[in-house]
Protein backbone atom coordinates (compact mmCIF):
# COMPACT_ATOMS: atom_id res chain seq x y z
CA THR A 1 -2.92 14.21 23.18
CA MET A 2 -3.42 11.48 20.59
CA ALA A 3 -5.13 9.23 23.14
CA LEU A 4 -7.53 12.07 24.02
CA LEU A 5 -8.31 12.76 20.35
CA LEU A 6 -8.99 9.08 19.67
CA ALA A 7 -11.19 8.83 22.77
CA LEU A 8 -13.25 11.81 21.63
CA LEU A 9 -13.49 10.36 18.11
CA PHE A 10 -14.82 7.00 19.24
CA ILE A 11 -17.11 8.53 21.87
CA GLY A 12 -18.63 10.64 19.10
CA LEU A 13 -18.89 7.59 16.86
CA SER A 14 -20.57 5.52 19.59
CA ARG A 15 -23.36 8.08 19.84
CA LYS A 16 -24.17 7.64 16.16
CA LEU A 17 -24.25 3.84 16.08
CA ASP A 18 -27.24 2.44 14.24
CA ALA A 19 -27.57 -1.27 13.56
CA ARG A 20 -30.28 -0.70 10.93
CA LYS A 21 -28.74 2.18 9.00
CA PRO A 22 -25.01 2.29 9.71
CA GLY A 23 -23.15 5.32 8.40
CA ARG A 24 -19.96 5.17 6.36
CA LEU A 25 -17.74 5.84 9.36
CA GLN A 26 -19.47 3.11 11.35
CA MET A 27 -19.08 0.63 8.48
CA ALA A 28 -15.40 1.52 8.12
CA ALA A 29 -14.86 0.99 11.86
CA GLU A 30 -16.70 -2.35 11.76
CA MET A 31 -14.63 -3.52 8.79
CA LEU A 32 -11.40 -2.48 10.51
CA PHE A 33 -12.11 -4.15 13.83
CA GLY A 34 -13.68 -7.17 12.14
CA GLY A 35 -10.53 -7.68 10.09
CA LEU A 36 -8.32 -7.27 13.14
CA TYR A 37 -10.39 -9.74 15.13
CA SER A 38 -10.09 -12.30 12.32
CA LEU A 39 -6.31 -11.97 12.45
CA PHE A 40 -6.25 -12.32 16.24
CA GLN A 41 -8.56 -15.32 16.08
CA THR A 42 -6.33 -17.05 13.53
CA ILE A 43 -3.35 -16.75 15.88
CA ILE A 44 -4.96 -17.21 19.30
CA GLY A 45 -8.24 -19.03 18.68
CA ASP A 46 -11.73 -18.38 20.02
CA SER A 47 -10.36 -16.79 23.20
CA ALA A 48 -9.02 -13.92 21.06
CA ARG A 49 -12.22 -12.01 21.85
CA ARG A 50 -11.02 -11.23 25.38
CA TYR A 51 -7.72 -9.79 24.10
CA THR A 52 -9.12 -7.87 21.13
CA PRO A 53 -9.91 -4.65 23.08
CA TYR A 54 -6.26 -4.21 24.05
CA LEU A 55 -4.76 -5.38 20.76
CA GLY A 56 -7.23 -3.39 18.67
CA SER A 57 -6.60 -0.25 20.73
CA LEU A 58 -2.87 -0.82 20.38
CA PHE A 59 -3.14 -0.95 16.58
CA ILE A 60 -5.34 2.14 16.35
CA PHE A 61 -3.14 4.18 18.68
CA ILE A 62 0.08 3.29 16.85
CA TRP A 63 -1.47 3.72 13.41
CA PHE A 64 -2.86 7.19 14.09
CA ASN A 65 0.40 8.28 15.73
CA ASN A 66 2.31 7.07 12.68
CA LEU A 67 -0.02 8.88 10.27
CA PHE A 68 0.17 12.12 12.25
CA GLY A 69 3.83 12.37 11.29
CA LEU A 70 2.85 12.67 7.62
CA ILE A 71 0.80 15.81 8.24
CA PRO A 72 2.75 19.02 7.46
CA LEU A 73 4.29 20.33 10.69
CA GLY A 74 3.03 17.18 12.42
CA HIS A 75 5.14 14.91 14.59
CA ALA A 76 4.66 11.16 14.97
CA GLY A 77 4.69 10.26 18.65
CA THR A 78 6.03 6.83 17.68
CA SER A 79 9.22 8.46 16.37
CA SER A 80 10.20 9.03 20.01
CA PHE A 81 11.69 6.00 21.74
CA ALA A 82 11.84 7.45 25.26
CA ASN A 83 8.35 8.95 25.30
CA THR A 84 6.21 6.54 23.30
CA THR A 85 7.55 3.32 21.81
CA PHE A 86 9.37 2.18 24.95
CA ALA A 87 6.19 2.80 26.95
CA LEU A 88 4.16 0.77 24.43
CA GLY A 89 6.66 -2.08 24.59
CA GLY A 90 6.71 -2.00 28.39
CA LEU A 91 2.91 -1.89 28.63
CA THR A 92 2.60 -4.84 26.26
CA PHE A 93 5.20 -6.76 28.28
CA LEU A 94 3.25 -6.23 31.51
CA TYR A 95 -0.02 -7.14 29.79
CA VAL A 96 1.42 -10.38 28.36
CA GLN A 97 3.05 -11.37 31.66
CA GLY A 98 -0.22 -10.70 33.47
CA ILE A 99 -2.00 -13.03 31.03
CA ALA A 100 0.76 -15.64 31.48
CA LEU A 101 0.42 -15.63 35.26
CA LYS A 102 -3.38 -15.69 35.12
CA GLU A 103 -3.57 -18.55 32.61
CA ASN A 104 -0.71 -20.69 33.93
CA GLY A 105 -0.21 -19.72 37.56
CA ILE A 106 3.21 -19.04 39.05
CA GLY A 107 4.22 -22.69 38.74
CA GLY A 108 3.20 -22.89 35.09
CA TRP A 109 4.88 -19.56 34.40
CA LEU A 110 8.18 -20.81 35.83
CA TYR A 111 7.75 -24.17 34.06
CA HIS A 112 7.31 -22.38 30.73
CA LEU A 113 10.42 -20.26 31.32
CA ALA A 114 12.32 -23.46 32.10
CA GLY A 115 11.51 -24.71 28.61
CA SER A 116 8.66 -27.07 29.63
CA PRO A 117 11.03 -29.95 30.52
CA ARG A 118 9.68 -33.52 30.33
CA THR A 119 12.64 -35.85 30.25
CA GLY A 120 15.57 -36.12 32.62
CA LEU A 121 17.82 -34.50 30.04
CA ASP A 122 15.40 -31.59 29.72
CA TRP A 123 15.45 -31.06 33.47
CA GLY A 124 19.23 -31.17 33.42
CA LEU A 125 19.28 -28.33 30.88
CA VAL A 126 16.93 -26.11 32.90
CA VAL A 127 19.93 -24.32 34.39
CA LEU A 128 20.82 -23.23 30.84
CA PHE A 129 17.35 -22.68 29.38
CA PHE A 130 15.77 -20.75 32.25
CA PRO A 131 18.10 -17.71 32.11
CA LEU A 132 18.00 -17.74 28.30
CA HIS A 133 14.19 -17.72 28.22
CA LEU A 134 14.08 -15.07 30.93
CA ILE A 135 16.45 -12.84 28.98
CA GLY A 136 14.38 -13.46 25.85
CA GLU A 137 11.22 -12.29 27.61
CA LEU A 138 12.96 -9.13 28.81
CA ILE A 139 14.32 -8.42 25.33
CA LYS A 140 10.92 -8.69 23.61
CA PRO A 141 9.56 -5.28 24.72
CA LEU A 142 12.86 -3.63 23.80
CA SER A 143 12.81 -5.31 20.39
CA LEU A 144 9.23 -4.18 19.77
CA SER A 145 10.05 -0.62 20.82
CA LEU A 146 13.23 -0.27 18.77
CA ARG A 147 11.69 -1.77 15.63
CA LEU A 148 8.77 0.67 15.65
CA PHE A 149 10.91 3.65 16.65
CA GLY A 150 13.58 3.00 14.01
CA ASN A 151 11.15 2.65 11.12
CA ILE A 152 8.97 5.66 11.96
CA PHE A 153 11.91 7.89 12.89
CA GLY A 154 13.61 7.01 9.60
CA GLU A 155 10.42 7.72 7.67
CA ASP A 156 9.94 11.14 9.34
CA THR A 157 13.58 12.01 8.77
CA LEU A 158 13.33 11.13 5.08
CA VAL A 159 10.23 13.29 4.57
CA ALA A 160 11.80 16.23 6.46
CA THR A 161 14.99 15.91 4.42
CA MET A 162 13.02 16.03 1.15
CA VAL A 163 11.13 19.12 2.35
CA LEU A 164 14.38 20.93 3.19
CA LEU A 165 16.00 19.81 -0.07
CA GLY A 166 13.05 21.04 -2.13
CA ALA A 167 13.08 24.39 -0.31
CA GLY A 168 16.83 24.71 -0.80
CA ILE A 169 16.65 24.04 -4.54
CA SER A 170 13.82 26.57 -5.00
CA TYR A 171 15.70 29.17 -2.97
CA SER A 172 18.84 28.71 -5.07
CA VAL A 173 17.03 28.78 -8.43
CA SER A 174 14.96 31.86 -7.50
CA GLY A 175 18.06 33.82 -6.56
CA GLY A 176 17.37 33.91 -2.84
CA ILE A 177 13.70 34.97 -2.91
CA ALA A 178 12.37 33.54 0.36
CA HIS A 179 8.64 33.52 -0.49
CA ILE A 180 9.04 31.21 -3.50
CA PRO A 181 7.45 27.83 -2.51
CA GLY A 182 9.78 24.85 -2.34
CA LEU A 183 9.69 21.94 -4.73
CA PRO A 184 7.34 19.22 -3.40
CA LEU A 185 10.01 16.51 -3.43
CA GLN A 186 8.42 14.89 -0.38
CA PHE A 187 5.10 14.05 -2.06
CA PRO A 188 6.16 10.69 -3.57
CA PHE A 189 7.31 9.58 -0.12
CA TYR A 190 3.89 10.26 1.41
CA PHE A 191 2.43 7.27 -0.45
CA LEU A 192 5.25 5.07 0.77
CA GLY A 193 4.74 6.53 4.24
CA LEU A 194 1.03 5.61 4.26
CA LEU A 195 1.93 2.00 3.53
CA SER A 196 4.78 1.96 6.03
CA CYS A 197 2.64 3.48 8.80
CA THR A 198 0.04 0.75 8.39
CA ILE A 199 2.57 -2.07 8.15
CA GLN A 200 4.50 -0.96 11.24
CA ALA A 201 1.32 -0.69 13.33
CA LEU A 202 0.23 -4.12 12.11
CA VAL A 203 3.64 -5.71 12.79
CA PHE A 204 3.76 -4.39 16.36
CA THR A 205 0.22 -5.62 17.01
CA LEU A 206 0.68 -9.05 15.43
CA LEU A 207 3.93 -9.66 17.32
CA SER A 208 2.11 -8.75 20.53
CA THR A 209 -0.62 -11.23 19.56
CA VAL A 210 1.97 -13.96 18.99
CA TYR A 211 3.56 -13.23 22.39
CA ILE A 212 0.16 -13.73 24.02
CA ALA A 213 -0.45 -16.97 22.10
CA LEU A 214 2.92 -18.38 23.20
CA TRP A 215 1.89 -18.08 26.85
CA LEU A 216 -1.57 -19.60 26.55
CA PRO A 217 -2.17 -23.24 27.58
CA HIS A 218 -1.97 -25.88 24.87
CA GLU A 219 -5.74 -26.16 24.39
CA HIS A 220 -5.77 -22.57 23.10
CA HIS A 221 -3.19 -23.46 20.47
CA ASP A 222 -5.24 -26.51 19.47
CA GLU A 223 -8.26 -24.24 18.95
CA ALA A 224 -6.24 -21.90 16.79
CA HIS A 225 -4.91 -24.72 14.61
CA ALA A 226 -8.43 -26.08 14.21
CA HIS A 227 -9.45 -22.79 12.59
């Protein structure tokens, strides 16, 4: 549902693009994606342009899902591990491994997992390093998924608890009159939630960017450091 809503939003925005007289929504979108691209370029280098569509979409999707949980009666899709965050982690894992195989080939991919050995001692430790690096790669999507799920689920639970607590206090004070509105104890946590939603979306996206950068050939890292 969220993917469909975002698609409709950006399709509608694309029809109103005007390079000479950009509207406020267009300027906001340009600032957002421009800022994201600058971050990706700092980590990856000039080749970040080819990965920006996926990484930018990842940030927007997670961010809007996080924010939806702050709407009354809304539910953040990212507060579900089985349905959303695990899928995002798995999709990112497949995307990164696809980039790794494309940029390095099967031989380079295996060489990287072996720890990029150069000396005889390094080659002797391949038996130890290869399974460790392989396990590390398999853990990364799970780590991404659990981090996002835990933070957003905790945030939603906190807001829901404050709503129920405020309703319970009002009900007790009013002598059991059901139509008396509850105390808005959750409002202060909305501001914290707005910050947390943005940070969690940014953390997931930046970690995904770093995972991509780690698999790129050395010349890409040299470009990034030059910037």
